Amino acid sequence: MARALMSFVASHAGIVIQVRLLATVEEVDAEYCKGSRRRLETIVHGYFQPRTSARARHHGLIVLGMDARLDEIVPHEVAHAVIHAMRGISASDDEAAATAIGILSARIFAKVRSLQEAG
């Protein structure tokens, strides 16, 4: 497992996501491919891992590379996390999910910016 540049929790409306920032997409891809995960044909720039225990304090883990296309990858992975936490989303009642995706993404971007400004 690669050493994280930063690890933190982002939460909104009862949805709690652990976030790990790795230095590179290469580290994210290598970590994703370890264990039982199958190798994808494309490089993995970020991923969401749902919690494995009902007792976990978070709904899952998002792993991102600092050199990834974060404007694209963060909302994508947050959408996975929100869908998982809400046990799916109804097309006729998606406002809470859309709000959660926006707020959680903004909170992750704020932490990433603070790391970039410090470095």
PDB file of N, CA and C in Angstrom:
ATOM      1  N   MET A   1       0.850  -1.179   0.000  1.00  0.00           N
ATOM      2  CA  MET A   1       0.000   0.000   0.000  1.00  0.00           C
ATOM      3  C   MET A   1       0.894   1.240   0.000  1.00  0.00           C
ATOM      4  N   ALA A   2       0.637   2.140  -0.916  1.00  0.00           N
ATOM      5  CA  ALA A   2       1.424   3.365  -1.030  1.00  0.00           C
ATOM      6  C   ALA A   2       1.148   4.297   0.148  1.00  0.00           C
ATOM      7  N   ARG A   3       2.144   5.071   0.492  1.00  0.00           N
ATOM      8  CA  ARG A   3       1.989   6.046   1.579  1.00  0.00           C
ATOM      9  C   ARG A   3       1.129   7.213   1.083  1.00  0.00           C
ATOM     10  N   ALA A   4       0.116   7.544   1.837  1.00  0.00           N
ATOM     11  CA  ALA A   4      -0.782   8.634   1.459  1.00  0.00           C
ATOM     12  C   ALA A   4      -0.150   9.983   1.768  1.00  0.00           C
ATOM     13  N   LEU A   5      -0.356  10.948   0.858  1.00  0.00           N
ATOM     14  CA  LEU A   5       0.047  12.323   1.120  1.00  0.00           C
ATOM     15  C   LEU A   5      -0.855  12.932   2.174  1.00  0.00           C
ATOM     16  N   MET A   6      -2.118  12.521   2.142  1.00  0.00           N
ATOM     17  CA  MET A   6      -3.118  13.024   3.081  1.00  0.00           C
ATOM     18  C   MET A   6      -4.240  12.008   3.166  1.00  0.00           C
ATOM     19  N   SER A   7      -4.801  11.869   4.339  1.00  0.00           N
ATOM     20  CA  SER A   7      -5.964  11.028   4.551  1.00  0.00           C
ATOM     21  C   SER A   7      -6.926  11.827   5.418  1.00  0.00           C
ATOM     22  N   PHE A   8      -8.199  11.851   5.037  1.00  0.00           N
ATOM     23  CA  PHE A   8      -9.180  12.629   5.778  1.00  0.00           C
ATOM     24  C   PHE A   8     -10.573  12.064   5.551  1.00  0.00           C
ATOM     25  N   VAL A   9     -11.525  12.598   6.274  1.00  0.00           N
ATOM     26  CA  VAL A   9     -12.920  12.190   6.151  1.00  0.00           C
ATOM     27  C   VAL A   9     -13.728  13.368   5.630  1.00  0.00           C
ATOM     28  N   ALA A  10     -14.590  13.102   4.662  1.00  0.00           N
ATOM     29  CA  ALA A  10     -15.549  14.093   4.168  1.00  0.00           C
ATOM     30  C   ALA A  10     -16.941  13.556   4.497  1.00  0.00           C
ATOM     31  N   SER A  11     -17.797  14.430   5.028  1.00  0.00           N
ATOM     32  CA  SER A  11     -19.132  13.959   5.387  1.00  0.00           C
ATOM     33  C   SER A  11     -20.182  15.017   5.093  1.00  0.00           C
ATOM     34  N   HIS A  12     -21.398  14.526   4.869  1.00  0.00           N
ATOM     35  CA  HIS A  12     -22.563  15.388   4.652  1.00  0.00           C
ATOM     36  C   HIS A  12     -23.814  14.541   4.830  1.00  0.00           C
ATOM     37  N   ALA A  13     -24.749  15.040   5.611  1.00  0.00           N
ATOM     38  CA  ALA A  13     -26.070  14.422   5.784  1.00  0.00           C
ATOM     39  C   ALA A  13     -25.981  12.925   6.102  1.00  0.00           C
ATOM     40  N   GLY A  14     -25.061  12.570   6.969  1.00  0.00           N
ATOM     41  CA  GLY A  14     -24.929  11.183   7.377  1.00  0.00           C
ATOM     42  C   GLY A  14     -24.095  10.309   6.448  1.00  0.00           C
ATOM     43  N   ILE A  15     -23.645  10.863   5.339  1.00  0.00           N
ATOM     44  CA  ILE A  15     -22.774  10.117   4.425  1.00  0.00           C
ATOM     45  C   ILE A  15     -21.337  10.449   4.805  1.00  0.00           C
ATOM     46  N   VAL A  16     -20.583   9.442   5.158  1.00  0.00           N
ATOM     47  CA  VAL A  16     -19.208   9.624   5.627  1.00  0.00           C
ATOM     48  C   VAL A  16     -18.273   8.846   4.713  1.00  0.00           C
ATOM     49  N   ILE A  17     -17.313   9.567   4.117  1.00  0.00           N
ATOM     50  CA  ILE A  17     -16.378   8.956   3.182  1.00  0.00           C
ATOM     51  C   ILE A  17     -14.954   9.204   3.662  1.00  0.00           C
ATOM     52  N   GLN A  18     -14.181   8.155   3.741  1.00  0.00           N
ATOM     53  CA  GLN A  18     -12.757   8.290   4.017  1.00  0.00           C
ATOM     54  C   GLN A  18     -12.069   8.534   2.673  1.00  0.00           C
ATOM     55  N   VAL A  19     -11.108   9.457   2.639  1.00  0.00           N
ATOM     56  CA  VAL A  19     -10.401   9.802   1.408  1.00  0.00           C
ATOM     57  C   VAL A  19      -8.905   9.649   1.630  1.00  0.00           C
ATOM     58  N   ARG A  20      -8.232   8.996   0.694  1.00  0.00           N
ATOM     59  CA  ARG A  20      -6.767   8.887   0.701  1.00  0.00           C
ATOM     60  C   ARG A  20      -6.239   9.517  -0.571  1.00  0.00           C
ATOM     61  N   LEU A  21      -5.295  10.432  -0.429  1.00  0.00           N
ATOM     62  CA  LEU A  21      -4.642  11.055  -1.581  1.00  0.00           C
ATOM     63  C   LEU A  21      -3.247  10.465  -1.723  1.00  0.00           C
ATOM     64  N   LEU A  22      -2.995   9.830  -2.850  1.00  0.00           N
ATOM     65  CA  LEU A  22      -1.679   9.303  -3.155  1.00  0.00           C
ATOM     66  C   LEU A  22      -0.981  10.277  -4.098  1.00  0.00           C
ATOM     67  N   ALA A  23       0.312  10.158  -4.241  1.00  0.00           N
ATOM     68  CA  ALA A  23       1.070  11.106  -5.055  1.00  0.00           C
ATOM     69  C   ALA A  23       0.743  10.994  -6.538  1.00  0.00           C
ATOM     70  N   THR A  24       0.580   9.772  -7.025  1.00  0.00           N
ATOM     71  CA  THR A  24       0.423   9.601  -8.475  1.00  0.00           C
ATOM     72  C   THR A  24      -0.705   8.631  -8.828  1.00  0.00           C
ATOM     73  N   VAL A  25      -1.170   8.772 -10.049  1.00  0.00           N
ATOM     74  CA  VAL A  25      -2.144   7.841 -10.608  1.00  0.00           C
ATOM     75  C   VAL A  25      -1.528   6.448 -10.688  1.00  0.00           C
ATOM     76  N   GLU A  26      -0.254   6.375 -10.971  1.00  0.00           N
ATOM     77  CA  GLU A  26       0.439   5.084 -11.037  1.00  0.00           C
ATOM     78  C   GLU A  26       0.303   4.324  -9.712  1.00  0.00           C
ATOM     79  N   GLU A  27       0.429   5.038  -8.590  1.00  0.00           N
ATOM     80  CA  GLU A  27       0.260   4.407  -7.275  1.00  0.00           C
ATOM     81  C   GLU A  27      -1.181   3.952  -7.057  1.00  0.00           C
ATOM     82  N   VAL A  28      -2.139   4.766  -7.501  1.00  0.00           N
ATOM     83  CA  VAL A  28      -3.558   4.404  -7.373  1.00  0.00           C
ATOM     84  C   VAL A  28      -3.847   3.151  -8.179  1.00  0.00           C
ATOM     85  N   ASP A  29      -3.377   3.118  -9.410  1.00  0.00           N
ATOM     86  CA  ASP A  29      -3.601   1.970 -10.287  1.00  0.00           C
ATOM     87  C   ASP A  29      -2.985   0.704  -9.695  1.00  0.00           C
ATOM     88  N   ALA A  30      -1.761   0.805  -9.187  1.00  0.00           N
ATOM     89  CA  ALA A  30      -1.091  -0.360  -8.601  1.00  0.00           C
ATOM     90  C   ALA A  30      -1.844  -0.854  -7.373  1.00  0.00           C
ATOM     91  N   GLU A  31      -2.309   0.065  -6.537  1.00  0.00           N
ATOM     92  CA  GLU A  31      -3.058  -0.314  -5.338  1.00  0.00           C
ATOM     93  C   GLU A  31      -4.384  -0.961  -5.713  1.00  0.00           C
ATOM     94  N   TYR A  32      -5.056  -0.410  -6.715  1.00  0.00           N
ATOM     95  CA  TYR A  32      -6.340  -0.952  -7.163  1.00  0.00           C
ATOM     96  C   TYR A  32      -6.184  -2.395  -7.651  1.00  0.00           C
ATOM     97  N   CYS A  33      -5.102  -2.651  -8.341  1.00  0.00           N
ATOM     98  CA  CYS A  33      -4.906  -3.962  -8.963  1.00  0.00           C
ATOM     99  C   CYS A  33      -4.394  -5.033  -8.017  1.00  0.00           C
ATOM    100  N   LYS A  34      -4.015  -4.668  -6.796  1.00  0.00           N
ATOM    101  CA  LYS A  34      -3.557  -5.671  -5.820  1.00  0.00           C
ATOM    102  C   LYS A  34      -4.724  -6.537  -5.364  1.00  0.00           C
ATOM    103  N   GLY A  35      -4.400  -7.697  -4.888  1.00  0.00           N
ATOM    104  CA  GLY A  35      -5.431  -8.560  -4.309  1.00  0.00           C
ATOM    105  C   GLY A  35      -6.312  -9.197  -5.352  1.00  0.00           C
ATOM    106  N   SER A  36      -7.594  -9.239  -5.072  1.00  0.00           N
ATOM    107  CA  SER A  36      -8.521  -9.979  -5.928  1.00  0.00           C
ATOM    108  C   SER A  36      -9.092  -9.156  -7.080  1.00  0.00           C
ATOM    109  N   ARG A  37      -8.755  -7.878  -7.132  1.00  0.00           N
ATOM    110  CA  ARG A  37      -9.299  -7.064  -8.222  1.00  0.00           C
ATOM    111  C   ARG A  37      -8.678  -7.472  -9.549  1.00  0.00           C
ATOM    112  N   ARG A  38      -9.493  -7.493 -10.571  1.00  0.00           N
ATOM    113  CA  ARG A  38      -8.979  -7.833 -11.898  1.00  0.00           C
ATOM    114  C   ARG A  38      -8.334  -6.606 -12.536  1.00  0.00           C
ATOM    115  N   ARG A  39      -7.409  -6.828 -13.386  1.00  0.00           N
ATOM    116  CA  ARG A  39      -6.726  -5.755 -14.105  1.00  0.00           C
ATOM    117  C   ARG A  39      -7.659  -5.207 -15.168  1.00  0.00           C
ATOM    118  N   LEU A  40      -7.850  -3.909 -15.182  1.00  0.00           N
ATOM    119  CA  LEU A  40      -8.671  -3.270 -16.203  1.00  0.00           C
ATOM    120  C   LEU A  40      -7.796  -2.914 -17.396  1.00  0.00           C
ATOM    121  N   GLU A  41      -8.427  -2.680 -18.528  1.00  0.00           N
ATOM    122  CA  GLU A  41      -7.662  -2.320 -19.721  1.00  0.00           C
ATOM    123  C   GLU A  41      -7.177  -0.881 -19.694  1.00  0.00           C
ATOM    124  N   THR A  42      -7.757  -0.069 -18.838  1.00  0.00           N
ATOM    125  CA  THR A  42      -7.327   1.319 -18.712  1.00  0.00           C
ATOM    126  C   THR A  42      -6.719   1.541 -17.335  1.00  0.00           C
ATOM    127  N   ILE A  43      -5.957   2.597 -17.214  1.00  0.00           N
ATOM    128  CA  ILE A  43      -5.344   2.949 -15.940  1.00  0.00           C
ATOM    129  C   ILE A  43      -6.423   3.499 -15.007  1.00  0.00           C
ATOM    130  N   VAL A  44      -6.403   3.066 -13.762  1.00  0.00           N
ATOM    131  CA  VAL A  44      -7.374   3.519 -12.761  1.00  0.00           C
ATOM    132  C   VAL A  44      -6.842   4.797 -12.112  1.00  0.00           C
ATOM    133  N   HIS A  45      -7.558   5.899 -12.279  1.00  0.00           N
ATOM    134  CA  HIS A  45      -7.134   7.198 -11.758  1.00  0.00           C
ATOM    135  C   HIS A  45      -7.649   7.462 -10.351  1.00  0.00           C
ATOM    136  N   GLY A  46      -8.660   6.734  -9.958  1.00  0.00           N
ATOM    137  CA  GLY A  46      -9.252   6.847  -8.633  1.00  0.00           C
ATOM    138  C   GLY A  46     -10.249   5.718  -8.476  1.00  0.00           C
ATOM    139  N   TYR A  47     -10.571   5.386  -7.236  1.00  0.00           N
ATOM    140  CA  TYR A  47     -11.573   4.337  -7.050  1.00  0.00           C
ATOM    141  C   TYR A  47     -12.294   4.516  -5.723  1.00  0.00           C
ATOM    142  N   PHE A  48     -13.481   3.904  -5.660  1.00  0.00           N
ATOM    143  CA  PHE A  48     -14.284   3.863  -4.434  1.00  0.00           C
ATOM    144  C   PHE A  48     -14.353   2.420  -3.980  1.00  0.00           C
ATOM    145  N   GLN A  49     -14.043   2.198  -2.718  1.00  0.00           N
ATOM    146  CA  GLN A  49     -14.146   0.869  -2.106  1.00  0.00           C
ATOM    147  C   GLN A  49     -15.219   0.938  -1.030  1.00  0.00           C
ATOM    148  N   PRO A  50     -16.378   0.284  -1.226  1.00  0.00           N
ATOM    149  CA  PRO A  50     -17.420   0.302  -0.195  1.00  0.00           C
ATOM    150  C   PRO A  50     -16.919  -0.309   1.106  1.00  0.00           C
ATOM    151  N   ARG A  51     -17.519   0.079   2.200  1.00  0.00           N
ATOM    152  CA  ARG A  51     -17.130  -0.494   3.494  1.00  0.00           C
ATOM    153  C   ARG A  51     -17.379  -1.994   3.473  1.00  0.00           C
ATOM    154  N   THR A  52     -16.600  -2.699   4.257  1.00  0.00           N
ATOM    155  CA  THR A  52     -16.739  -4.154   4.296  1.00  0.00           C
ATOM    156  C   THR A  52     -17.465  -4.632   5.544  1.00  0.00           C
ATOM    157  N   SER A  53     -17.674  -3.728   6.492  1.00  0.00           N
ATOM    158  CA  SER A  53     -18.335  -4.105   7.739  1.00  0.00           C
ATOM    159  C   SER A  53     -19.487  -3.145   8.019  1.00  0.00           C
ATOM    160  N   ALA A  54     -20.581  -3.682   8.494  1.00  0.00           N
ATOM    161  CA  ALA A  54     -21.719  -2.837   8.866  1.00  0.00           C
ATOM    162  C   ALA A  54     -21.372  -1.937  10.047  1.00  0.00           C
ATOM    163  N   ARG A  55     -20.327  -2.285  10.784  1.00  0.00           N
ATOM    164  CA  ARG A  55     -19.912  -1.494  11.947  1.00  0.00           C
ATOM    165  C   ARG A  55     -18.924  -0.382  11.596  1.00  0.00           C
ATOM    166  N   ALA A  56     -18.501  -0.332  10.350  1.00  0.00           N
ATOM    167  CA  ALA A  56     -17.533   0.701   9.943  1.00  0.00           C
ATOM    168  C   ALA A  56     -18.116   2.085  10.167  1.00  0.00           C
ATOM    169  N   ARG A  57     -17.241   3.025  10.504  1.00  0.00           N
ATOM    170  CA  ARG A  57     -17.690   4.398  10.773  1.00  0.00           C
ATOM    171  C   ARG A  57     -17.869   5.222   9.504  1.00  0.00           C
ATOM    172  N   HIS A  58     -17.536   4.659   8.373  1.00  0.00           N
ATOM    173  CA  HIS A  58     -17.690   5.375   7.106  1.00  0.00           C
ATOM    174  C   HIS A  58     -18.355   4.445   6.091  1.00  0.00           C
ATOM    175  N   HIS A  59     -18.878   5.024   5.018  1.00  0.00           N
ATOM    176  CA  HIS A  59     -19.551   4.233   3.994  1.00  0.00           C
ATOM    177  C   HIS A  59     -18.571   3.621   3.006  1.00  0.00           C
ATOM    178  N   GLY A  60     -17.356   4.120   2.990  1.00  0.00           N
ATOM    179  CA  GLY A  60     -16.362   3.572   2.087  1.00  0.00           C
ATOM    180  C   GLY A  60     -15.161   4.484   1.970  1.00  0.00           C
ATOM    181  N   LEU A  61     -14.258   4.088   1.097  1.00  0.00           N
ATOM    182  CA  LEU A  61     -12.988   4.768   0.905  1.00  0.00           C
ATOM    183  C   LEU A  61     -12.849   5.199  -0.541  1.00  0.00           C
ATOM    184  N   ILE A  62     -12.438   6.450  -0.743  1.00  0.00           N
ATOM    185  CA  ILE A  62     -12.084   6.942  -2.071  1.00  0.00           C
ATOM    186  C   ILE A  62     -10.574   7.133  -2.083  1.00  0.00           C
ATOM    187  N   VAL A  63      -9.923   6.601  -3.110  1.00  0.00           N
ATOM    188  CA  VAL A  63      -8.481   6.763  -3.282  1.00  0.00           C
ATOM    189  C   VAL A  63      -8.244   7.534  -4.574  1.00  0.00           C
ATOM    190  N   LEU A  64      -7.441   8.596  -4.474  1.00  0.00           N
ATOM    191  CA  LEU A  64      -7.175   9.485  -5.611  1.00  0.00           C
ATOM    192  C   LEU A  64      -5.684   9.730  -5.758  1.00  0.00           C
ATOM    193  N   GLY A  65      -5.248   9.968  -6.984  1.00  0.00           N
ATOM    194  CA  GLY A  65      -3.877  10.388  -7.238  1.00  0.00           C
ATOM    195  C   GLY A  65      -3.842  11.895  -7.429  1.00  0.00           C
ATOM    196  N   MET A  66      -2.871  12.551  -6.804  1.00  0.00           N
ATOM    197  CA  MET A  66      -2.790  14.019  -6.901  1.00  0.00           C
ATOM    198  C   MET A  66      -2.580  14.493  -8.334  1.00  0.00           C
ATOM    199  N   ASP A  67      -2.005  13.660  -9.188  1.00  0.00           N
ATOM    200  CA  ASP A  67      -1.777  14.076 -10.567  1.00  0.00           C
ATOM    201  C   ASP A  67      -2.906  13.627 -11.502  1.00  0.00           C
ATOM    202  N   ALA A  68      -4.014  13.158 -10.936  1.00  0.00           N
ATOM    203  CA  ALA A  68      -5.169  12.730 -11.735  1.00  0.00           C
ATOM    204  C   ALA A  68      -5.956  13.945 -12.219  1.00  0.00           C
ATOM    205  N   ARG A  69      -6.872  13.706 -13.131  1.00  0.00           N
ATOM    206  CA  ARG A  69      -7.807  14.744 -13.592  1.00  0.00           C
ATOM    207  C   ARG A  69      -8.886  14.882 -12.509  1.00  0.00           C
ATOM    208  N   LEU A  70      -8.527  15.545 -11.415  1.00  0.00           N
ATOM    209  CA  LEU A  70      -9.387  15.568 -10.234  1.00  0.00           C
ATOM    210  C   LEU A  70     -10.743  16.205 -10.486  1.00  0.00           C
ATOM    211  N   ASP A  71     -10.828  17.189 -11.385  1.00  0.00           N
ATOM    212  CA  ASP A  71     -12.121  17.813 -11.687  1.00  0.00           C
ATOM    213  C   ASP A  71     -13.122  16.779 -12.208  1.00  0.00           C
ATOM    214  N   GLU A  72     -12.623  15.757 -12.845  1.00  0.00           N
ATOM    215  CA  GLU A  72     -13.463  14.684 -13.372  1.00  0.00           C
ATOM    216  C   GLU A  72     -13.581  13.527 -12.378  1.00  0.00           C
ATOM    217  N   ILE A  73     -12.471  13.135 -11.777  1.00  0.00           N
ATOM    218  CA  ILE A  73     -12.413  11.922 -10.968  1.00  0.00           C
ATOM    219  C   ILE A  73     -13.132  12.082  -9.625  1.00  0.00           C
ATOM    220  N   VAL A  74     -12.977  13.221  -8.956  1.00  0.00           N
ATOM    221  CA  VAL A  74     -13.606  13.399  -7.640  1.00  0.00           C
ATOM    222  C   VAL A  74     -15.128  13.246  -7.719  1.00  0.00           C
ATOM    223  N   PRO A  75     -15.834  14.002  -8.576  1.00  0.00           N
ATOM    224  CA  PRO A  75     -17.301  13.819  -8.622  1.00  0.00           C
ATOM    225  C   PRO A  75     -17.711  12.406  -9.034  1.00  0.00           C
ATOM    226  N   HIS A  76     -16.934  11.785  -9.907  1.00  0.00           N
ATOM    227  CA  HIS A  76     -17.237  10.418 -10.342  1.00  0.00           C
ATOM    228  C   HIS A  76     -17.198   9.457  -9.152  1.00  0.00           C
ATOM    229  N   GLU A  77     -16.120   9.507  -8.373  1.00  0.00           N
ATOM    230  CA  GLU A  77     -15.983   8.603  -7.232  1.00  0.00           C
ATOM    231  C   GLU A  77     -16.959   8.951  -6.111  1.00  0.00           C
ATOM    232  N   VAL A  78     -17.220  10.242  -5.913  1.00  0.00           N
ATOM    233  CA  VAL A  78     -18.214  10.655  -4.908  1.00  0.00           C
ATOM    234  C   VAL A  78     -19.594  10.147  -5.303  1.00  0.00           C
ATOM    235  N   ALA A  79     -19.915  10.168  -6.596  1.00  0.00           N
ATOM    236  CA  ALA A  79     -21.213   9.633  -7.044  1.00  0.00           C
ATOM    237  C   ALA A  79     -21.331   8.158  -6.665  1.00  0.00           C
ATOM    238  N   HIS A  80     -20.268   7.379  -6.875  1.00  0.00           N
ATOM    239  CA  HIS A  80     -20.290   5.973  -6.454  1.00  0.00           C
ATOM    240  C   HIS A  80     -20.570   5.870  -4.954  1.00  0.00           C
ATOM    241  N   ALA A  81     -19.876   6.693  -4.166  1.00  0.00           N
ATOM    242  CA  ALA A  81     -20.023   6.641  -2.707  1.00  0.00           C
ATOM    243  C   ALA A  81     -21.443   7.010  -2.275  1.00  0.00           C
ATOM    244  N   VAL A  82     -22.001   8.047  -2.872  1.00  0.00           N
ATOM    245  CA  VAL A  82     -23.349   8.496  -2.503  1.00  0.00           C
ATOM    246  C   VAL A  82     -24.389   7.450  -2.900  1.00  0.00           C
ATOM    247  N   ILE A  83     -24.267   6.896  -4.094  1.00  0.00           N
ATOM    248  CA  ILE A  83     -25.197   5.849  -4.532  1.00  0.00           C
ATOM    249  C   ILE A  83     -25.135   4.667  -3.571  1.00  0.00           C
ATOM    250  N   HIS A  84     -23.930   4.298  -3.173  1.00  0.00           N
ATOM    251  CA  HIS A  84     -23.765   3.188  -2.224  1.00  0.00           C
ATOM    252  C   HIS A  84     -24.402   3.539  -0.874  1.00  0.00           C
ATOM    253  N   ALA A  85     -24.094   4.723  -0.358  1.00  0.00           N
ATOM    254  CA  ALA A  85     -24.595   5.121   0.965  1.00  0.00           C
ATOM    255  C   ALA A  85     -26.119   5.234   0.983  1.00  0.00           C
ATOM    256  N   MET A  86     -26.699   5.695  -0.118  1.00  0.00           N
ATOM    257  CA  MET A  86     -28.153   5.879  -0.182  1.00  0.00           C
ATOM    258  C   MET A  86     -28.873   4.618  -0.669  1.00  0.00           C
ATOM    259  N   ARG A  87     -28.105   3.573  -0.931  1.00  0.00           N
ATOM    260  CA  ARG A  87     -28.656   2.308  -1.427  1.00  0.00           C
ATOM    261  C   ARG A  87     -29.401   2.505  -2.749  1.00  0.00           C
ATOM    262  N   GLY A  88     -28.832   3.330  -3.601  1.00  0.00           N
ATOM    263  CA  GLY A  88     -29.432   3.614  -4.899  1.00  0.00           C
ATOM    264  C   GLY A  88     -30.080   4.977  -4.891  1.00  0.00           C
ATOM    265  N   ILE A  89     -30.413   5.449  -6.076  1.00  0.00           N
ATOM    266  CA  ILE A  89     -31.037   6.773  -6.216  1.00  0.00           C
ATOM    267  C   ILE A  89     -32.225   6.645  -7.152  1.00  0.00           C
ATOM    268  N   SER A  90     -33.333   7.224  -6.755  1.00  0.00           N
ATOM    269  CA  SER A  90     -34.526   7.247  -7.593  1.00  0.00           C
ATOM    270  C   SER A  90     -34.446   8.436  -8.542  1.00  0.00           C
ATOM    271  N   ALA A  91     -34.721   8.209  -9.804  1.00  0.00           N
ATOM    272  CA  ALA A  91     -34.691   9.288 -10.794  1.00  0.00           C
ATOM    273  C   ALA A  91     -35.746  10.354 -10.497  1.00  0.00           C
ATOM    274  N   SER A  92     -36.806   9.990  -9.796  1.00  0.00           N
ATOM    275  CA  SER A  92     -37.849  10.968  -9.489  1.00  0.00           C
ATOM    276  C   SER A  92     -37.605  11.680  -8.158  1.00  0.00           C
ATOM    277  N   ASP A  93     -36.581  11.259  -7.417  1.00  0.00           N
ATOM    278  CA  ASP A  93     -36.279  11.881  -6.129  1.00  0.00           C
ATOM    279  C   ASP A  93     -34.762  11.893  -5.922  1.00  0.00           C
ATOM    280  N   ASP A  94     -34.062  12.628  -6.777  1.00  0.00           N
ATOM    281  CA  ASP A  94     -32.607  12.610  -6.767  1.00  0.00           C
ATOM    282  C   ASP A  94     -31.964  13.864  -6.180  1.00  0.00           C
ATOM    283  N   GLU A  95     -32.758  14.780  -5.644  1.00  0.00           N
ATOM    284  CA  GLU A  95     -32.226  16.051  -5.154  1.00  0.00           C
ATOM    285  C   GLU A  95     -31.236  15.870  -4.003  1.00  0.00           C
ATOM    286  N   ALA A  96     -31.548  15.027  -3.048  1.00  0.00           N
ATOM    287  CA  ALA A  96     -30.639  14.813  -1.920  1.00  0.00           C
ATOM    288  C   ALA A  96     -29.311  14.218  -2.394  1.00  0.00           C
ATOM    289  N   ALA A  97     -29.375  13.308  -3.338  1.00  0.00           N
ATOM    290  CA  ALA A  97     -28.146  12.703  -3.860  1.00  0.00           C
ATOM    291  C   ALA A  97     -27.313  13.738  -4.619  1.00  0.00           C
ATOM    292  N   ALA A  98     -27.955  14.530  -5.455  1.00  0.00           N
ATOM    293  CA  ALA A  98     -27.232  15.549  -6.213  1.00  0.00           C
ATOM    294  C   ALA A  98     -26.587  16.564  -5.271  1.00  0.00           C
ATOM    295  N   THR A  99     -27.293  16.957  -4.233  1.00  0.00           N
ATOM    296  CA  THR A  99     -26.745  17.885  -3.240  1.00  0.00           C
ATOM    297  C   THR A  99     -25.550  17.263  -2.527  1.00  0.00           C
ATOM    298  N   ALA A 100     -25.678  16.014  -2.112  1.00  0.00           N
ATOM    299  CA  ALA A 100     -24.578  15.336  -1.428  1.00  0.00           C
ATOM    300  C   ALA A 100     -23.353  15.218  -2.318  1.00  0.00           C
ATOM    301  N   ILE A 101     -23.547  14.888  -3.580  1.00  0.00           N
ATOM    302  CA  ILE A 101     -22.422  14.779  -4.513  1.00  0.00           C
ATOM    303  C   ILE A 101     -21.714  16.121  -4.645  1.00  0.00           C
ATOM    304  N   GLY A 102     -22.475  17.202  -4.778  1.00  0.00           N
ATOM    305  CA  GLY A 102     -21.878  18.532  -4.890  1.00  0.00           C
ATOM    306  C   GLY A 102     -21.122  18.947  -3.638  1.00  0.00           C
ATOM    307  N   ILE A 103     -21.734  18.772  -2.485  1.00  0.00           N
ATOM    308  CA  ILE A 103     -21.105  19.210  -1.227  1.00  0.00           C
ATOM    309  C   ILE A 103     -19.888  18.349  -0.891  1.00  0.00           C
ATOM    310  N   LEU A 104     -20.008  17.035  -1.015  1.00  0.00           N
ATOM    311  CA  LEU A 104     -18.864  16.171  -0.711  1.00  0.00           C
ATOM    312  C   LEU A 104     -17.701  16.430  -1.671  1.00  0.00           C
ATOM    313  N   SER A 105     -18.006  16.627  -2.946  1.00  0.00           N
ATOM    314  CA  SER A 105     -16.955  16.953  -3.920  1.00  0.00           C
ATOM    315  C   SER A 105     -16.264  18.259  -3.543  1.00  0.00           C
ATOM    316  N   ALA A 106     -17.034  19.264  -3.181  1.00  0.00           N
ATOM    317  CA  ALA A 106     -16.453  20.558  -2.788  1.00  0.00           C
ATOM    318  C   ALA A 106     -15.559  20.409  -1.565  1.00  0.00           C
ATOM    319  N   ARG A 107     -15.957  19.605  -0.609  1.00  0.00           N
ATOM    320  CA  ARG A 107     -15.150  19.402   0.601  1.00  0.00           C
ATOM    321  C   ARG A 107     -13.842  18.672   0.282  1.00  0.00           C
ATOM    322  N   ILE A 108     -13.906  17.718  -0.621  1.00  0.00           N
ATOM    323  CA  ILE A 108     -12.680  17.027  -1.029  1.00  0.00           C
ATOM    324  C   ILE A 108     -11.763  17.989  -1.792  1.00  0.00           C
ATOM    325  N   PHE A 109     -12.324  18.765  -2.715  1.00  0.00           N
ATOM    326  CA  PHE A 109     -11.513  19.742  -3.457  1.00  0.00           C
ATOM    327  C   PHE A 109     -10.840  20.737  -2.512  1.00  0.00           C
ATOM    328  N   ALA A 110     -11.542  21.176  -1.475  1.00  0.00           N
ATOM    329  CA  ALA A 110     -10.966  22.116  -0.516  1.00  0.00           C
ATOM    330  C   ALA A 110      -9.747  21.509   0.185  1.00  0.00           C
ATOM    331  N   LYS A 111      -9.834  20.252   0.579  1.00  0.00           N
ATOM    332  CA  LYS A 111      -8.696  19.589   1.226  1.00  0.00           C
ATOM    333  C   LYS A 111      -7.528  19.423   0.258  1.00  0.00           C
ATOM    334  N   VAL A 112      -7.831  19.052  -0.974  1.00  0.00           N
ATOM    335  CA  VAL A 112      -6.783  18.893  -1.987  1.00  0.00           C
ATOM    336  C   VAL A 112      -6.080  20.230  -2.216  1.00  0.00           C
ATOM    337  N   ARG A 113      -6.862  21.309  -2.339  1.00  0.00           N
ATOM    338  CA  ARG A 113      -6.266  22.646  -2.527  1.00  0.00           C
ATOM    339  C   ARG A 113      -5.371  23.025  -1.372  1.00  0.00           C
ATOM    340  N   SER A 114      -5.797  22.701  -0.139  1.00  0.00           N
ATOM    341  CA  SER A 114      -4.970  23.047   1.025  1.00  0.00           C
ATOM    342  C   SER A 114      -3.640  22.293   0.986  1.00  0.00           C
ATOM    343  N   LEU A 115      -3.655  21.067   0.518  1.00  0.00           N
ATOM    344  CA  LEU A 115      -2.412  20.303   0.390  1.00  0.00           C
ATOM    345  C   LEU A 115      -1.530  20.905  -0.714  1.00  0.00           C
ATOM    346  N   GLN A 116      -2.151  21.273  -1.843  1.00  0.00           N
ATOM    347  CA  GLN A 116      -1.392  21.861  -2.946  1.00  0.00           C
ATOM    348  C   GLN A 116      -0.776  23.193  -2.542  1.00  0.00           C
ATOM    349  N   GLU A 117      -1.510  24.010  -1.793  1.00  0.00           N
ATOM    350  CA  GLU A 117      -1.011  25.322  -1.370  1.00  0.00           C
ATOM    351  C   GLU A 117       0.113  25.185  -0.343  1.00  0.00           C
ATOM    352  N   ALA A 118       0.045  24.139   0.486  1.00  0.00           N
ATOM    353  CA  ALA A 118       1.067  23.922   1.498  1.00  0.00           C
ATOM    354  C   ALA A 118       2.372  23.406   0.886  1.00  0.00           C
ATOM    355  N   GLY A 119       2.243  22.724  -0.269  1.00  0.00           N
ATOM    356  CA  GLY A 119       3.418  22.112  -0.898  1.00  0.00           C
ATOM    357  C   GLY A 119       4.004  23.002  -1.889  1.00  0.00           C
TER     358      GLY A 119
END
